[in-house]
Amino acid sequence: MPRMDATLPGLLTGALLSVATADAAGAEGFSVVQSADRFVSLVDGRELRRFGIRLNVTSEGQIEGQAFGSPVTGEWTWEGGYFCRDLYWGGDDLGYNCQLVQENGDTLRFTSDRGAGMFADLTLR
């Protein structure tokens, strides 16, 4: 099946790691996930969801799932208080990025560029 167009990888990248600029008001109610142990306790055995996206992040450092009908794969590590990942979507390399992770109930917020970039909220199921 052919790709819709060249902008779809950009759309997925935006949906996976950035939908709005992070600012103080946007972070209201969220607390920073301080450690890999806390992060794993949140995601272990659960799925991260957002419209068109379903991901599993394993305690062994793998990322697996689907986004808009194509497979998502990758690897992650916890470095200096950040979730750092390499991500691939349907064969497209979405690159390496370290992200600030915040939690608010069953919502995890991932903010790109070590918390200085854009964010995306994903729901834990």
C-alpha atoms as a PDB file:
ATOM      1  CA  MET A   1       0.000   0.000   0.000  1.00  0.00           C
ATOM      2  CA  PRO A   2       1.554   3.360  -0.963  1.00  0.00           C
ATOM      3  CA  ARG A   3       2.233   6.057   1.584  1.00  0.00           C
ATOM      4  CA  MET A   4      -0.299   8.870   1.734  1.00  0.00           C
ATOM      5  CA  ASP A   5       2.341  11.531   1.143  1.00  0.00           C
ATOM      6  CA  ALA A   6       5.682  12.786   2.375  1.00  0.00           C
ATOM      7  CA  THR A   7       4.125  14.708   5.263  1.00  0.00           C
ATOM      8  CA  LEU A   8       2.821  11.608   7.057  1.00  0.00           C
ATOM      9  CA  PRO A   9       6.168  10.837   8.768  1.00  0.00           C
ATOM     10  CA  GLY A  10       6.218  14.425  10.001  1.00  0.00           C
ATOM     11  CA  LEU A  11       2.668  14.074  11.268  1.00  0.00           C
ATOM     12  CA  LEU A  12       3.557  10.900  13.141  1.00  0.00           C
ATOM     13  CA  THR A  13       6.672  12.476  14.582  1.00  0.00           C
ATOM     14  CA  GLY A  14       4.531  15.345  15.793  1.00  0.00           C
ATOM     15  CA  ALA A  15       1.931  13.031  17.250  1.00  0.00           C
ATOM     16  CA  LEU A  16       4.533  10.867  18.950  1.00  0.00           C
ATOM     17  CA  LEU A  17       6.563  13.600  20.525  1.00  0.00           C
ATOM     18  CA  SER A  18       5.170  17.044  20.012  1.00  0.00           C
ATOM     19  CA  VAL A  19       1.750  18.590  19.705  1.00  0.00           C
ATOM     20  CA  ALA A  20       2.091  21.814  21.632  1.00  0.00           C
ATOM     21  CA  THR A  21       4.823  23.979  23.032  1.00  0.00           C
ATOM     22  CA  ALA A  22       5.577  23.100  26.610  1.00  0.00           C
ATOM     23  CA  ASP A  23       5.138  25.950  29.058  1.00  0.00           C
ATOM     24  CA  ALA A  24       4.457  26.383  32.763  1.00  0.00           C
ATOM     25  CA  ALA A  25       0.683  26.533  32.321  1.00  0.00           C
ATOM     26  CA  GLY A  26       0.687  23.378  30.188  1.00  0.00           C
ATOM     27  CA  ALA A  27       2.541  21.466  32.898  1.00  0.00           C
ATOM     28  CA  GLU A  28      -0.055  22.225  35.590  1.00  0.00           C
ATOM     29  CA  GLY A  29      -0.942  19.065  37.483  1.00  0.00           C
ATOM     30  CA  PHE A  30       1.989  17.098  36.076  1.00  0.00           C
ATOM     31  CA  SER A  31       4.963  15.917  38.107  1.00  0.00           C
ATOM     32  CA  VAL A  32       8.341  14.956  36.678  1.00  0.00           C
ATOM     33  CA  VAL A  33       9.179  11.257  36.503  1.00  0.00           C
ATOM     34  CA  GLN A  34      12.545  11.282  38.259  1.00  0.00           C
ATOM     35  CA  SER A  35      13.906   7.785  37.624  1.00  0.00           C
ATOM     36  CA  ALA A  36      13.938   4.837  35.267  1.00  0.00           C
ATOM     37  CA  ASP A  37      12.469   2.683  38.047  1.00  0.00           C
ATOM     38  CA  ARG A  38       9.463   5.000  38.382  1.00  0.00           C
ATOM     39  CA  PHE A  39       9.037   5.163  34.611  1.00  0.00           C
ATOM     40  CA  VAL A  40       9.095   1.364  34.285  1.00  0.00           C
ATOM     41  CA  SER A  41       6.591   1.034  37.155  1.00  0.00           C
ATOM     42  CA  LEU A  42       4.213   3.264  35.174  1.00  0.00           C
ATOM     43  CA  VAL A  43       4.533   1.591  31.756  1.00  0.00           C
ATOM     44  CA  ASP A  44       5.200  -2.053  32.666  1.00  0.00           C
ATOM     45  CA  GLY A  45       2.424  -4.226  31.237  1.00  0.00           C
ATOM     46  CA  ARG A  46       0.459  -1.217  30.004  1.00  0.00           C
ATOM     47  CA  GLU A  47      -0.086   0.363  26.616  1.00  0.00           C
ATOM     48  CA  LEU A  48       0.500   4.024  25.737  1.00  0.00           C
ATOM     49  CA  ARG A  49      -2.326   5.363  23.566  1.00  0.00           C
ATOM     50  CA  ARG A  50      -3.163   8.429  21.581  1.00  0.00           C
ATOM     51  CA  PHE A  51      -5.439   8.813  18.572  1.00  0.00           C
ATOM     52  CA  GLY A  52      -4.070   6.402  15.937  1.00  0.00           C
ATOM     53  CA  ILE A  53      -1.164   5.297  18.156  1.00  0.00           C
ATOM     54  CA  ARG A  54      -0.721   2.261  20.426  1.00  0.00           C
ATOM     55  CA  LEU A  55       2.714   1.614  21.942  1.00  0.00           C
ATOM     56  CA  ASN A  56       4.307  -0.751  24.425  1.00  0.00           C
ATOM     57  CA  VAL A  57       7.474   0.389  26.156  1.00  0.00           C
ATOM     58  CA  THR A  58       9.172  -2.590  27.802  1.00  0.00           C
ATOM     59  CA  SER A  59      11.379  -2.724  30.855  1.00  0.00           C
ATOM     60  CA  GLU A  60      14.038  -4.312  28.598  1.00  0.00           C
ATOM     61  CA  GLY A  61      14.399  -1.104  26.585  1.00  0.00           C
ATOM     62  CA  GLN A  62      12.191  -1.897  23.592  1.00  0.00           C
ATOM     63  CA  ILE A  63       9.420   0.147  21.972  1.00  0.00           C
ATOM     64  CA  GLU A  64       6.843  -1.732  19.907  1.00  0.00           C
ATOM     65  CA  GLY A  65       3.456  -0.871  18.493  1.00  0.00           C
ATOM     66  CA  GLN A  66       1.407   0.616  15.702  1.00  0.00           C
ATOM     67  CA  ALA A  67       0.781   4.153  14.500  1.00  0.00           C
ATOM     68  CA  PHE A  68      -1.655   5.005  11.760  1.00  0.00           C
ATOM     69  CA  GLY A  69      -1.505   1.437  10.384  1.00  0.00           C
ATOM     70  CA  SER A  70       2.286   1.033  10.296  1.00  0.00           C
ATOM     71  CA  PRO A  71       4.596  -0.645  12.804  1.00  0.00           C
ATOM     72  CA  VAL A  72       6.563   1.394  15.308  1.00  0.00           C
ATOM     73  CA  THR A  73       9.781  -0.027  16.742  1.00  0.00           C
ATOM     74  CA  GLY A  74      12.629   1.372  18.731  1.00  0.00           C
ATOM     75  CA  GLU A  75      14.863   1.251  21.753  1.00  0.00           C
ATOM     76  CA  TRP A  76      15.037   3.426  24.840  1.00  0.00           C
ATOM     77  CA  THR A  77      17.343   4.149  27.768  1.00  0.00           C
ATOM     78  CA  TRP A  78      17.095   6.432  30.782  1.00  0.00           C
ATOM     79  CA  GLU A  79      19.909   9.006  30.763  1.00  0.00           C
ATOM     80  CA  GLY A  80      20.375  11.803  33.282  1.00  0.00           C
ATOM     81  CA  GLY A  81      16.683  11.952  34.159  1.00  0.00           C
ATOM     82  CA  TYR A  82      15.424  11.718  30.567  1.00  0.00           C
ATOM     83  CA  PHE A  83      13.732   9.087  28.396  1.00  0.00           C
ATOM     84  CA  CYS A  84      16.071   8.767  25.404  1.00  0.00           C
ATOM     85  CA  ARG A  85      14.867   6.824  22.389  1.00  0.00           C
ATOM     86  CA  ASP A  86      15.602   5.841  18.806  1.00  0.00           C
ATOM     87  CA  LEU A  87      12.330   5.373  16.942  1.00  0.00           C
ATOM     88  CA  TYR A  88      11.289   3.892  13.604  1.00  0.00           C
ATOM     89  CA  TRP A  89       7.875   4.059  11.980  1.00  0.00           C
ATOM     90  CA  GLY A  90       7.147   1.828   8.996  1.00  0.00           C
ATOM     91  CA  GLY A  91      10.847   1.819   8.127  1.00  0.00           C
ATOM     92  CA  ASP A  92      11.312   5.598   8.506  1.00  0.00           C
ATOM     93  CA  ASP A  93      13.939   6.656  11.039  1.00  0.00           C
ATOM     94  CA  LEU A  94      12.337   9.274  13.306  1.00  0.00           C
ATOM     95  CA  GLY A  95      15.663   9.851  15.025  1.00  0.00           C
ATOM     96  CA  TYR A  96      17.126   9.978  18.489  1.00  0.00           C
ATOM     97  CA  ASN A  97      15.689  12.294  21.132  1.00  0.00           C
ATOM     98  CA  CYS A  98      15.859  12.627  24.915  1.00  0.00           C
ATOM     99  CA  GLN A  99      12.556  13.634  26.459  1.00  0.00           C
ATOM    100  CA  LEU A 100      11.329  14.893  29.804  1.00  0.00           C
ATOM    101  CA  VAL A 101       8.583  12.594  31.130  1.00  0.00           C
ATOM    102  CA  GLN A 102       5.845  13.879  33.419  1.00  0.00           C
ATOM    103  CA  GLU A 103       2.876  12.076  34.921  1.00  0.00           C
ATOM    104  CA  ASN A 104      -0.638  13.080  35.879  1.00  0.00           C
ATOM    105  CA  GLY A 105      -2.840  10.105  36.774  1.00  0.00           C
ATOM    106  CA  ASP A 106      -2.986   7.812  33.744  1.00  0.00           C
ATOM    107  CA  THR A 107      -1.447  10.414  31.428  1.00  0.00           C
ATOM    108  CA  LEU A 108       2.242  10.598  30.582  1.00  0.00           C
ATOM    109  CA  ARG A 109       3.564  13.744  28.939  1.00  0.00           C
ATOM    110  CA  PHE A 110       6.703  13.389  26.805  1.00  0.00           C
ATOM    111  CA  THR A 111       8.438  16.713  26.075  1.00  0.00           C
ATOM    112  CA  SER A 112      11.107  16.571  23.374  1.00  0.00           C
ATOM    113  CA  ASP A 113      14.587  18.084  23.502  1.00  0.00           C
ATOM    114  CA  ARG A 114      15.110  17.430  27.240  1.00  0.00           C
ATOM    115  CA  GLY A 115      11.960  19.341  28.130  1.00  0.00           C
ATOM    116  CA  ALA A 116      12.651  22.374  25.932  1.00  0.00           C
ATOM    117  CA  GLY A 117      10.626  21.298  22.896  1.00  0.00           C
ATOM    118  CA  MET A 118       7.122  20.200  22.064  1.00  0.00           C
ATOM    119  CA  PHE A 119       5.049  17.708  24.048  1.00  0.00           C
ATOM    120  CA  ALA A 120       2.605  14.874  23.515  1.00  0.00           C
ATOM    121  CA  ASP A 121       0.271  13.362  26.109  1.00  0.00           C
ATOM    122  CA  LEU A 122      -0.302   9.605  25.947  1.00  0.00           C
ATOM    123  CA  THR A 123      -2.781   7.669  28.059  1.00  0.00           C
ATOM    124  CA  LEU A 124      -1.795   4.525  29.942  1.00  0.00           C
ATOM    125  CA  ARG A 125      -4.216   1.592  29.433  1.00  0.00           C
END
